[in-house]
Amino acid sequence: MPRINLLPWREQQLAERRNSFYIGLAAATVAAVVAIGAAWFFVNSLIDSQGDRNAVLSAQIKELDTKISEINNLEEQKARFVARMQIIETLQRSRPEIVHVFDTFVSALPDGVYLTGLTQTGQRFKIQGVAQSSTRVSTFMRNIDASQWLKNPELEVVESKRDNPLGSDFTLSADQVATTVEAPPPSASAAGAQAGKGTS
């Protein structure tokens, strides 16, 4: 005799499928939460690791900035030291120049010209004197222009006074030649002075 199943198998099968779906959905939800949590922890670990690296880089940058500042200070000190050395060297080399300048004044004086005053402002000399004639003043200026220690002679005043039997009063100016080489031998200036005297 055939058996007839009168139980509600369809409802039971549907309930089993529904339970399987809920179980799968719960498992998927749990897996998603775990995956999200793992990703969150991984990203946070990367951020923390990058933060540590950034902190190390910041510390190294600060150390390099300190060293750069020290180097800049040393460069400034070196520049000031070099500038002082150059000034000292210039002063040492220019020390004998004034001697040669005064020697030039004496050597460039032609016969009949006498100096009565000499003042210096920077590299500029103001020369006052007495000359027997304007020709001798011109000779004096040519001698100055031909010298190695003076240049740019300019006549300012020539006055003839009756109470001065020596001649005319004159005032002229000249510039000192600034040199950084060794001074020429005195014979050169003396030769120039002799040539100047010969033209008077």
N, C-alpha and C. Protein backbone atom coordinates (compact mmCIF):
# COMPACT_ATOMS: atom_id res chain seq x y z
N MET A 1 0.86 -1.17 0.00
CA MET A 1 0.00 0.00 0.00
C MET A 1 0.91 1.23 0.00
N PRO A 2 0.67 2.25 -0.88
CA PRO A 2 1.52 3.48 -0.93
C PRO A 2 1.31 4.34 0.30
N ARG A 3 2.49 5.00 0.70
CA ARG A 3 2.43 5.89 1.87
C ARG A 3 2.16 7.31 1.41
N ILE A 4 1.41 8.00 2.15
CA ILE A 4 1.07 9.39 1.85
C ILE A 4 1.56 10.25 3.01
N ASN A 5 2.46 11.19 2.73
CA ASN A 5 3.04 12.09 3.74
C ASN A 5 2.10 13.28 3.89
N LEU A 6 1.47 13.32 4.97
CA LEU A 6 0.53 14.39 5.24
C LEU A 6 1.16 15.54 6.04
N LEU A 7 2.47 15.47 6.36
CA LEU A 7 3.15 16.54 7.11
C LEU A 7 3.35 17.77 6.21
N PRO A 8 3.41 18.97 6.81
CA PRO A 8 3.62 20.22 6.01
C PRO A 8 5.10 20.36 5.62
N TRP A 9 5.54 19.50 4.69
CA TRP A 9 6.98 19.47 4.34
C TRP A 9 7.40 20.73 3.60
N ARG A 10 6.48 21.30 2.88
CA ARG A 10 6.85 22.51 2.16
C ARG A 10 7.15 23.66 3.13
N GLU A 11 6.32 23.83 4.14
CA GLU A 11 6.56 24.86 5.14
C GLU A 11 7.86 24.58 5.88
N GLN A 12 8.14 23.31 6.17
CA GLN A 12 9.37 22.94 6.85
C GLN A 12 10.59 23.24 5.98
N GLN A 13 10.48 22.92 4.67
CA GLN A 13 11.60 23.20 3.75
C GLN A 13 11.83 24.70 3.63
N LEU A 14 10.72 25.47 3.58
CA LEU A 14 10.86 26.93 3.51
C LEU A 14 11.49 27.49 4.77
N ALA A 15 11.12 26.94 5.92
CA ALA A 15 11.70 27.39 7.19
C ALA A 15 13.19 27.06 7.24
N GLU A 16 13.57 25.89 6.71
CA GLU A 16 14.99 25.53 6.70
C GLU A 16 15.78 26.46 5.80
N ARG A 17 15.19 26.77 4.64
CA ARG A 17 15.87 27.71 3.73
C ARG A 17 16.01 29.10 4.37
N ARG A 18 14.91 29.48 5.07
CA ARG A 18 14.97 30.78 5.72
C ARG A 18 16.05 30.79 6.79
N ASN A 19 16.14 29.74 7.55
CA ASN A 19 17.18 29.65 8.59
C ASN A 19 18.57 29.65 7.97
N SER A 20 18.74 28.93 6.89
CA SER A 20 20.04 28.92 6.21
C SER A 20 20.41 30.32 5.71
N PHE A 21 19.38 31.03 5.17
CA PHE A 21 19.65 32.39 4.70
C PHE A 21 20.07 33.30 5.84
N TYR A 22 19.36 33.20 6.96
CA TYR A 22 19.71 34.05 8.11
C TYR A 22 21.11 33.70 8.64
N ILE A 23 21.40 32.40 8.67
CA ILE A 23 22.74 32.00 9.14
C ILE A 23 23.82 32.53 8.20
N GLY A 24 23.59 32.41 6.89
CA GLY A 24 24.57 32.94 5.93
C GLY A 24 24.71 34.44 6.03
N LEU A 25 23.55 35.12 6.23
CA LEU A 25 23.60 36.57 6.36
C LEU A 25 24.37 36.97 7.61
N ALA A 26 24.14 36.25 8.69
CA ALA A 26 24.87 36.55 9.93
C ALA A 26 26.35 36.29 9.75
N ALA A 27 26.69 35.18 9.08
CA ALA A 27 28.11 34.88 8.84
C ALA A 27 28.76 35.95 7.96
N ALA A 28 28.02 36.38 6.94
CA ALA A 28 28.57 37.43 6.06
C ALA A 28 28.74 38.73 6.83
N THR A 29 27.77 39.03 7.70
CA THR A 29 27.88 40.25 8.50
C THR A 29 29.09 40.19 9.43
N VAL A 30 29.25 39.04 10.07
CA VAL A 30 30.41 38.87 10.96
C VAL A 30 31.71 38.97 10.17
N ALA A 31 31.73 38.34 9.01
CA ALA A 31 32.95 38.40 8.19
C ALA A 31 33.24 39.83 7.75
N ALA A 32 32.18 40.59 7.38
CA ALA A 32 32.38 41.98 6.98
C ALA A 32 32.90 42.83 8.14
N VAL A 33 32.31 42.59 9.32
CA VAL A 33 32.77 43.35 10.49
C VAL A 33 34.23 43.02 10.80
N VAL A 34 34.58 41.74 10.72
CA VAL A 34 35.97 41.35 10.97
C VAL A 34 36.90 41.98 9.93
N ALA A 35 36.45 41.94 8.66
CA ALA A 35 37.29 42.52 7.61
C ALA A 35 37.46 44.02 7.82
N ILE A 36 36.34 44.70 8.16
CA ILE A 36 36.43 46.15 8.41
C ILE A 36 37.32 46.44 9.59
N GLY A 37 37.19 45.66 10.66
CA GLY A 37 38.05 45.85 11.83
C GLY A 37 39.51 45.62 11.51
N ALA A 38 39.79 44.56 10.73
CA ALA A 38 41.18 44.29 10.37
C ALA A 38 41.74 45.42 9.50
N ALA A 39 40.90 45.89 8.54
CA ALA A 39 41.36 46.99 7.70
C ALA A 39 41.59 48.26 8.54
N TRP A 40 40.72 48.50 9.50
CA TRP A 40 40.87 49.69 10.37
C TRP A 40 42.16 49.61 11.17
N PHE A 41 42.38 48.43 11.77
CA PHE A 41 43.63 48.25 12.53
C PHE A 41 44.85 48.38 11.62
N PHE A 42 44.77 47.83 10.40
CA PHE A 42 45.90 47.91 9.48
C PHE A 42 46.18 49.37 9.08
N VAL A 43 45.10 50.10 8.75
CA VAL A 43 45.28 51.50 8.39
C VAL A 43 45.84 52.30 9.56
N ASN A 44 45.32 52.03 10.76
CA ASN A 44 45.83 52.74 11.94
C ASN A 44 47.30 52.42 12.19
N SER A 45 47.67 51.17 11.96
CA SER A 45 49.08 50.81 12.14
C SER A 45 49.96 51.55 11.12
N LEU A 46 49.47 51.66 9.88
CA LEU A 46 50.21 52.41 8.87
C LEU A 46 50.32 53.88 9.26
N ILE A 47 49.22 54.45 9.76
CA ILE A 47 49.25 55.86 10.18
C ILE A 47 50.22 56.06 11.33
N ASP A 48 50.19 55.14 12.31
CA ASP A 48 51.11 55.26 13.45
C ASP A 48 52.57 55.11 12.99
N SER A 49 52.79 54.15 12.08
CA SER A 49 54.14 53.97 11.57
C SER A 49 54.62 55.20 10.81
N GLN A 50 53.74 55.79 9.97
CA GLN A 50 54.11 57.00 9.25
C GLN A 50 54.31 58.18 10.21
N GLY A 51 53.49 58.23 11.26
CA GLY A 51 53.69 59.27 12.26
C GLY A 51 55.03 59.15 12.95
N ASP A 52 55.44 57.90 13.26
CA ASP A 52 56.76 57.70 13.86
C ASP A 52 57.86 58.14 12.90
N ARG A 53 57.72 57.78 11.62
CA ARG A 53 58.72 58.21 10.64
C ARG A 53 58.74 59.73 10.50
N ASN A 54 57.56 60.34 10.51
CA ASN A 54 57.51 61.81 10.44
C ASN A 54 58.18 62.45 11.64
N ALA A 55 57.99 61.84 12.82
CA ALA A 55 58.63 62.39 14.02
C ALA A 55 60.15 62.29 13.91
N VAL A 56 60.63 61.14 13.38
CA VAL A 56 62.08 60.98 13.21
C VAL A 56 62.60 62.00 12.20
N LEU A 57 61.88 62.17 11.09
CA LEU A 57 62.30 63.13 10.08
C LEU A 57 62.28 64.55 10.64
N SER A 58 61.27 64.88 11.44
CA SER A 58 61.21 66.22 12.04
C SER A 58 62.40 66.45 12.96
N ALA A 59 62.74 65.43 13.75
CA ALA A 59 63.89 65.57 14.65
C ALA A 59 65.18 65.75 13.84
N GLN A 60 65.33 64.98 12.76
CA GLN A 60 66.53 65.13 11.93
C GLN A 60 66.56 66.49 11.24
N ILE A 61 65.39 66.97 10.79
CA ILE A 61 65.33 68.29 10.16
C ILE A 61 65.72 69.37 11.15
N LYS A 62 65.23 69.28 12.38
CA LYS A 62 65.62 70.26 13.40
C LYS A 62 67.12 70.22 13.66
N GLU A 63 67.67 69.00 13.70
CA GLU A 63 69.11 68.87 13.91
C GLU A 63 69.89 69.48 12.75
N LEU A 64 69.41 69.23 11.52
CA LEU A 64 70.07 69.81 10.35
C LEU A 64 69.94 71.33 10.34
N ASP A 65 68.77 71.84 10.75
CA ASP A 65 68.60 73.30 10.83
C ASP A 65 69.57 73.90 11.84
N THR A 66 69.77 73.22 12.95
CA THR A 66 70.73 73.71 13.94
C THR A 66 72.14 73.72 13.37
N LYS A 67 72.51 72.64 12.65
CA LYS A 67 73.84 72.58 12.05
C LYS A 67 74.01 73.65 10.97
N ILE A 68 72.94 73.85 10.17
CA ILE A 68 73.00 74.89 9.12
C ILE A 68 73.18 76.26 9.75
N SER A 69 72.45 76.51 10.85
CA SER A 69 72.60 77.80 11.54
C SER A 69 74.02 77.97 12.06
N GLU A 70 74.59 76.90 12.61
CA GLU A 70 75.97 76.98 13.09
C GLU A 70 76.93 77.24 11.92
N ILE A 71 76.68 76.57 10.79
CA ILE A 71 77.54 76.77 9.61
C ILE A 71 77.43 78.21 9.12
N ASN A 72 76.18 78.75 9.11
CA ASN A 72 76.01 80.14 8.68
C ASN A 72 76.73 81.10 9.61
N ASN A 73 76.67 80.82 10.92
CA ASN A 73 77.40 81.66 11.86
C ASN A 73 78.90 81.58 11.62
N LEU A 74 79.38 80.37 11.34
CA LEU A 74 80.81 80.22 11.05
C LEU A 74 81.19 80.95 9.77
N GLU A 75 80.29 80.90 8.76
CA GLU A 75 80.56 81.61 7.51
C GLU A 75 80.62 83.12 7.74
N GLU A 76 79.68 83.64 8.57
CA GLU A 76 79.70 85.06 8.88
C GLU A 76 80.97 85.45 9.63
N GLN A 77 81.35 84.61 10.61
CA GLN A 77 82.58 84.89 11.34
C GLN A 77 83.79 84.84 10.41
N LYS A 78 83.78 83.86 9.49
CA LYS A 78 84.88 83.77 8.54
C LYS A 78 84.93 85.00 7.65
N ALA A 79 83.73 85.45 7.18
CA ALA A 79 83.69 86.64 6.32
C ALA A 79 84.20 87.86 7.06
N ARG A 80 83.80 88.02 8.34
CA ARG A 80 84.28 89.16 9.12
C ARG A 80 85.79 89.06 9.34
N PHE A 81 86.27 87.84 9.60
CA PHE A 81 87.71 87.65 9.80
C PHE A 81 88.48 87.98 8.53
N VAL A 82 87.97 87.50 7.38
CA VAL A 82 88.64 87.78 6.11
C VAL A 82 88.64 89.28 5.83
N ALA A 83 87.50 89.94 6.14
CA ALA A 83 87.42 91.39 5.92
C ALA A 83 88.44 92.11 6.80
N ARG A 84 88.57 91.68 8.06
CA ARG A 84 89.57 92.30 8.94
C ARG A 84 90.97 92.07 8.41
N MET A 85 91.23 90.84 7.96
CA MET A 85 92.55 90.54 7.43
C MET A 85 92.86 91.40 6.21
N GLN A 86 91.85 91.59 5.35
CA GLN A 86 92.07 92.41 4.16
C GLN A 86 92.33 93.86 4.55
N ILE A 87 91.59 94.35 5.56
CA ILE A 87 91.83 95.72 6.01
C ILE A 87 93.23 95.87 6.58
N ILE A 88 93.62 94.90 7.42
CA ILE A 88 94.96 94.95 8.00
C ILE A 88 96.02 94.87 6.91
N GLU A 89 95.80 93.99 5.93
CA GLU A 89 96.77 93.86 4.85
C GLU A 89 96.85 95.14 4.02
N THR A 90 95.66 95.75 3.78
CA THR A 90 95.65 97.00 3.03
C THR A 90 96.38 98.11 3.79
N LEU A 91 96.13 98.16 5.10
CA LEU A 91 96.81 99.18 5.90
C LEU A 91 98.32 98.96 5.92
N GLN A 92 98.71 97.68 6.03
CA GLN A 92 100.15 97.40 6.04
C GLN A 92 100.80 97.77 4.71
N ARG A 93 100.08 97.50 3.60
CA ARG A 93 100.66 97.82 2.31
C ARG A 93 100.60 99.32 2.01
N SER A 94 99.58 100.00 2.59
CA SER A 94 99.45 101.43 2.31
C SER A 94 100.26 102.28 3.28
N ARG A 95 100.87 101.67 4.29
CA ARG A 95 101.65 102.44 5.25
C ARG A 95 102.77 103.23 4.59
N PRO A 96 103.55 102.63 3.69
CA PRO A 96 104.62 103.42 3.07
C PRO A 96 104.14 104.37 1.98
N GLU A 97 102.84 104.30 1.61
CA GLU A 97 102.37 105.15 0.52
C GLU A 97 102.48 106.62 0.85
N ILE A 98 102.12 106.99 2.09
CA ILE A 98 102.16 108.42 2.45
C ILE A 98 103.58 108.95 2.39
N VAL A 99 104.56 108.06 2.69
CA VAL A 99 105.96 108.48 2.59
C VAL A 99 106.29 108.79 1.14
N HIS A 100 105.84 107.92 0.24
CA HIS A 100 106.09 108.15 -1.19
C HIS A 100 105.34 109.39 -1.69
N VAL A 101 104.14 109.64 -1.13
CA VAL A 101 103.38 110.82 -1.53
C VAL A 101 104.14 112.09 -1.16
N PHE A 102 104.62 112.15 0.07
CA PHE A 102 105.38 113.35 0.48
C PHE A 102 106.68 113.47 -0.31
N ASP A 103 107.31 112.33 -0.60
CA ASP A 103 108.51 112.37 -1.43
C ASP A 103 108.18 112.88 -2.83
N THR A 104 106.97 112.51 -3.32
CA THR A 104 106.55 113.01 -4.63
C THR A 104 106.36 114.51 -4.61
N PHE A 105 105.75 115.03 -3.53
CA PHE A 105 105.57 116.47 -3.43
C PHE A 105 106.92 117.20 -3.50
N VAL A 106 107.88 116.66 -2.75
CA VAL A 106 109.19 117.31 -2.72
C VAL A 106 109.87 117.20 -4.08
N SER A 107 109.78 115.99 -4.67
CA SER A 107 110.48 115.78 -5.95
C SER A 107 109.82 116.53 -7.10
N ALA A 108 108.48 116.69 -7.03
CA ALA A 108 107.78 117.34 -8.13
C ALA A 108 107.89 118.86 -8.10
N LEU A 109 108.38 119.42 -6.99
CA LEU A 109 108.49 120.88 -6.90
C LEU A 109 109.58 121.39 -7.85
N PRO A 110 109.22 122.23 -8.80
CA PRO A 110 110.26 122.85 -9.65
C PRO A 110 110.93 124.02 -8.92
N ASP A 111 112.01 124.50 -9.45
CA ASP A 111 112.67 125.67 -8.87
C ASP A 111 111.74 126.87 -8.93
N GLY A 112 111.73 127.64 -7.88
CA GLY A 112 110.88 128.82 -7.83
C GLY A 112 109.49 128.57 -7.30
N VAL A 113 109.21 127.38 -6.76
CA VAL A 113 107.91 127.06 -6.18
C VAL A 113 108.14 126.59 -4.75
N TYR A 114 107.35 127.15 -3.82
CA TYR A 114 107.49 126.82 -2.41
C TYR A 114 106.09 126.51 -1.84
N LEU A 115 106.02 125.49 -1.04
CA LEU A 115 104.75 125.11 -0.43
C LEU A 115 104.60 125.81 0.91
N THR A 116 103.37 126.30 1.16
CA THR A 116 103.07 126.95 2.44
C THR A 116 102.02 126.20 3.24
N GLY A 117 101.32 125.28 2.63
CA GLY A 117 100.29 124.53 3.34
C GLY A 117 99.92 123.27 2.58
N LEU A 118 99.55 122.23 3.37
CA LEU A 118 99.17 120.95 2.76
C LEU A 118 98.16 120.28 3.68
N THR A 119 96.98 120.04 3.18
CA THR A 119 95.93 119.36 3.96
C THR A 119 95.40 118.18 3.15
N GLN A 120 94.93 117.15 3.87
CA GLN A 120 94.43 115.95 3.23
C GLN A 120 93.04 115.64 3.75
N THR A 121 92.11 115.35 2.84
CA THR A 121 90.76 114.91 3.18
C THR A 121 90.49 113.64 2.40
N GLY A 122 90.57 112.51 3.08
CA GLY A 122 90.44 111.23 2.38
C GLY A 122 91.62 111.01 1.46
N GLN A 123 91.36 110.87 0.18
CA GLN A 123 92.41 110.70 -0.82
C GLN A 123 92.72 112.01 -1.54
N ARG A 124 92.13 113.10 -1.08
CA ARG A 124 92.27 114.39 -1.75
C ARG A 124 93.21 115.29 -0.96
N PHE A 125 94.20 115.88 -1.67
CA PHE A 125 95.15 116.80 -1.07
C PHE A 125 94.86 118.22 -1.56
N LYS A 126 94.93 119.15 -0.63
CA LYS A 126 94.84 120.58 -0.97
C LYS A 126 96.21 121.20 -0.72
N ILE A 127 96.78 121.77 -1.77
CA ILE A 127 98.16 122.25 -1.73
C ILE A 127 98.15 123.76 -1.88
N GLN A 128 98.82 124.43 -0.98
CA GLN A 128 98.96 125.88 -1.03
C GLN A 128 100.44 126.23 -1.10
N GLY A 129 100.75 127.25 -1.90
CA GLY A 129 102.15 127.61 -2.03
C GLY A 129 102.33 128.94 -2.73
N VAL A 130 103.60 129.24 -3.00
CA VAL A 130 103.99 130.47 -3.67
C VAL A 130 104.87 130.09 -4.85
N ALA A 131 104.62 130.72 -6.01
CA ALA A 131 105.39 130.45 -7.22
C ALA A 131 105.85 131.76 -7.82
N GLN A 132 107.02 131.74 -8.39
CA GLN A 132 107.56 132.95 -9.03
C GLN A 132 106.81 133.30 -10.30
N SER A 133 106.15 132.30 -10.94
CA SER A 133 105.38 132.57 -12.15
C SER A 133 104.35 131.46 -12.33
N SER A 134 103.35 131.74 -13.15
CA SER A 134 102.32 130.73 -13.42
C SER A 134 102.88 129.56 -14.22
N THR A 135 103.96 129.81 -14.97
CA THR A 135 104.59 128.72 -15.71
C THR A 135 105.14 127.67 -14.77
N ARG A 136 105.71 128.10 -13.66
CA ARG A 136 106.26 127.14 -12.69
C ARG A 136 105.12 126.37 -12.01
N VAL A 137 103.97 127.01 -11.81
CA VAL A 137 102.81 126.28 -11.27
C VAL A 137 102.37 125.20 -12.26
N SER A 138 102.34 125.54 -13.54
CA SER A 138 101.97 124.55 -14.57
C SER A 138 102.96 123.39 -14.58
N THR A 139 104.25 123.71 -14.42
CA THR A 139 105.27 122.65 -14.37
C THR A 139 105.04 121.75 -13.16
N PHE A 140 104.72 122.36 -12.03
CA PHE A 140 104.44 121.60 -10.80
C PHE A 140 103.25 120.65 -11.04
N MET A 141 102.20 121.14 -11.69
CA MET A 141 101.03 120.30 -11.96
C MET A 141 101.36 119.17 -12.93
N ARG A 142 102.19 119.44 -13.94
CA ARG A 142 102.60 118.37 -14.86
C ARG A 142 103.42 117.32 -14.14
N ASN A 143 104.29 117.75 -13.24
CA ASN A 143 105.09 116.79 -12.47
C ASN A 143 104.20 115.91 -11.60
N ILE A 144 103.18 116.54 -11.00
CA ILE A 144 102.24 115.77 -10.18
C ILE A 144 101.50 114.75 -11.04
N ASP A 145 101.03 115.17 -12.20
CA ASP A 145 100.28 114.29 -13.08
C ASP A 145 101.14 113.15 -13.62
N ALA A 146 102.43 113.39 -13.75
CA ALA A 146 103.34 112.36 -14.25
C ALA A 146 103.83 111.41 -13.17
N SER A 147 103.53 111.71 -11.91
CA SER A 147 104.02 110.87 -10.82
C SER A 147 103.16 109.62 -10.68
N GLN A 148 103.65 108.65 -9.93
CA GLN A 148 102.94 107.39 -9.71
C GLN A 148 102.08 107.42 -8.46
N TRP A 149 102.16 108.46 -7.66
CA TRP A 149 101.46 108.51 -6.38
C TRP A 149 100.41 109.61 -6.31
N LEU A 150 100.38 110.50 -7.28
CA LEU A 150 99.40 111.58 -7.31
C LEU A 150 98.81 111.68 -8.72
N LYS A 151 97.57 112.17 -8.79
CA LYS A 151 96.90 112.31 -10.09
C LYS A 151 95.86 113.42 -10.00
N ASN A 152 95.33 113.78 -11.15
CA ASN A 152 94.25 114.76 -11.28
C ASN A 152 94.56 116.10 -10.61
N PRO A 153 95.68 116.73 -10.92
CA PRO A 153 95.93 118.05 -10.34
C PRO A 153 94.97 119.09 -10.92
N GLU A 154 94.40 119.90 -10.05
CA GLU A 154 93.45 120.93 -10.47
C GLU A 154 93.82 122.25 -9.79
N LEU A 155 94.01 123.27 -10.59
CA LEU A 155 94.35 124.60 -10.06
C LEU A 155 93.07 125.29 -9.62
N GLU A 156 93.08 125.80 -8.40
CA GLU A 156 91.92 126.48 -7.86
C GLU A 156 92.09 128.01 -7.87
N VAL A 157 93.22 128.47 -7.34
CA VAL A 157 93.41 129.92 -7.20
C VAL A 157 94.86 130.25 -7.51
N VAL A 158 95.05 131.36 -8.24
CA VAL A 158 96.37 131.98 -8.40
C VAL A 158 96.19 133.48 -8.16
N GLU A 159 96.88 134.00 -7.17
CA GLU A 159 96.74 135.42 -6.81
C GLU A 159 98.11 136.08 -6.76
N SER A 160 98.20 137.20 -7.39
CA SER A 160 99.43 138.00 -7.35
C SER A 160 99.24 139.11 -6.32
N LYS A 161 100.10 139.16 -5.33
CA LYS A 161 100.01 140.16 -4.26
C LYS A 161 101.27 141.01 -4.25
N ARG A 162 101.04 142.29 -4.10
CA ARG A 162 102.16 143.22 -4.10
C ARG A 162 103.04 143.06 -2.86
N ASP A 163 102.40 142.65 -1.75
CA ASP A 163 103.18 142.52 -0.51
C ASP A 163 103.92 141.20 -0.44
N ASN A 164 103.87 140.40 -1.49
CA ASN A 164 104.57 139.11 -1.50
C ASN A 164 105.66 139.19 -2.56
N PRO A 165 106.91 139.43 -2.15
CA PRO A 165 107.98 139.56 -3.14
C PRO A 165 108.39 138.24 -3.79
N LEU A 166 107.94 137.12 -3.21
CA LEU A 166 108.34 135.83 -3.75
C LEU A 166 107.58 135.45 -5.01
N GLY A 167 106.41 136.03 -5.23
CA GLY A 167 105.64 135.70 -6.42
C GLY A 167 104.15 135.63 -6.13
N SER A 168 103.46 134.72 -6.81
CA SER A 168 102.00 134.61 -6.70
C SER A 168 101.63 133.45 -5.78
N ASP A 169 100.59 133.69 -4.99
CA ASP A 169 100.04 132.61 -4.16
C ASP A 169 99.14 131.72 -5.02
N PHE A 170 99.21 130.43 -4.80
CA PHE A 170 98.36 129.51 -5.57
C PHE A 170 97.80 128.45 -4.64
N THR A 171 96.69 127.89 -5.07
CA THR A 171 96.06 126.77 -4.38
C THR A 171 95.62 125.76 -5.43
N LEU A 172 96.05 124.54 -5.27
CA LEU A 172 95.61 123.48 -6.19
C LEU A 172 95.33 122.22 -5.39
N SER A 173 94.67 121.29 -6.02
CA SER A 173 94.31 120.02 -5.38
C SER A 173 94.75 118.86 -6.26
N ALA A 174 94.95 117.71 -5.62
CA ALA A 174 95.35 116.49 -6.33
C ALA A 174 94.87 115.28 -5.55
N ASP A 175 94.71 114.18 -6.25
CA ASP A 175 94.25 112.93 -5.64
C ASP A 175 95.41 111.98 -5.44
N GLN A 176 95.36 111.25 -4.32
CA GLN A 176 96.36 110.22 -4.08
C GLN A 176 95.98 108.96 -4.84
N VAL A 177 96.96 108.33 -5.44
CA VAL A 177 96.73 107.08 -6.17
C VAL A 177 96.78 105.94 -5.17
N ALA A 178 95.67 105.24 -5.02
CA ALA A 178 95.62 104.09 -4.12
C ALA A 178 96.13 102.87 -4.86
N THR A 179 97.17 102.26 -4.36
CA THR A 179 97.77 101.09 -5.00
C THR A 179 97.79 99.95 -4.02
N THR A 180 97.78 98.74 -4.55
CA THR A 180 97.89 97.53 -3.74
C THR A 180 99.13 96.73 -4.10
N VAL A 181 99.97 97.30 -4.94
CA VAL A 181 101.20 96.62 -5.33
C VAL A 181 102.35 97.22 -4.57
N GLU A 182 103.48 96.62 -4.69
CA GLU A 182 104.65 97.12 -4.01
C GLU A 182 105.01 98.51 -4.55
N ALA A 183 105.51 99.34 -3.66
CA ALA A 183 105.86 100.69 -4.05
C ALA A 183 107.02 100.67 -5.02
N PRO A 184 107.00 101.57 -6.02
CA PRO A 184 108.11 101.62 -6.97
C PRO A 184 109.35 102.14 -6.29
N PRO A 185 110.52 101.85 -6.84
CA PRO A 185 111.76 102.32 -6.21
C PRO A 185 111.83 103.84 -6.24
N PRO A 186 112.50 104.44 -5.25
CA PRO A 186 112.58 105.90 -5.19
C PRO A 186 113.23 106.51 -6.42
N SER A 187 114.07 105.73 -7.12
CA SER A 187 114.75 106.29 -8.27
C SER A 187 113.77 106.69 -9.37
N ALA A 188 112.62 105.97 -9.47
CA ALA A 188 111.64 106.30 -10.49
C ALA A 188 111.04 107.67 -10.24
N SER A 189 110.63 107.95 -8.99
CA SER A 189 110.05 109.25 -8.68
C SER A 189 111.10 110.33 -8.79
N ALA A 190 112.32 110.03 -8.40
CA ALA A 190 113.38 111.02 -8.50
C ALA A 190 113.65 111.37 -9.95
N ALA A 191 113.62 110.33 -10.82
CA ALA A 191 113.85 110.59 -12.24
C ALA A 191 112.75 111.47 -12.80
N GLY A 192 111.46 111.21 -12.38
CA GLY A 192 110.35 112.05 -12.84
C GLY A 192 110.51 113.47 -12.37
N ALA A 193 111.01 113.66 -11.12
CA ALA A 193 111.18 115.00 -10.60
C ALA A 193 112.26 115.74 -11.35
N GLN A 194 113.33 115.02 -11.68
CA GLN A 194 114.41 115.66 -12.43
C GLN A 194 113.93 116.10 -13.82
N ALA A 195 113.08 115.24 -14.43
CA ALA A 195 112.54 115.60 -15.73
C ALA A 195 111.67 116.84 -15.62
N GLY A 196 110.87 116.90 -14.48
CA GLY A 196 110.03 118.07 -14.27
C GLY A 196 110.85 119.32 -14.09
N LYS A 197 111.93 119.23 -13.35
CA LYS A 197 112.78 120.40 -13.13
C LYS A 197 113.43 120.86 -14.42
N GLY A 198 113.71 119.89 -15.31
CA GLY A 198 114.36 120.27 -16.56
C GLY A 198 113.46 121.06 -17.47
N THR A 199 112.11 120.87 -17.30
CA THR A 199 111.19 121.62 -18.14
C THR A 199 110.88 123.00 -17.61
N SER A 200 111.31 123.32 -16.37
CA SER A 200 111.01 124.64 -15.79
C SER A 200 111.89 125.70 -16.39
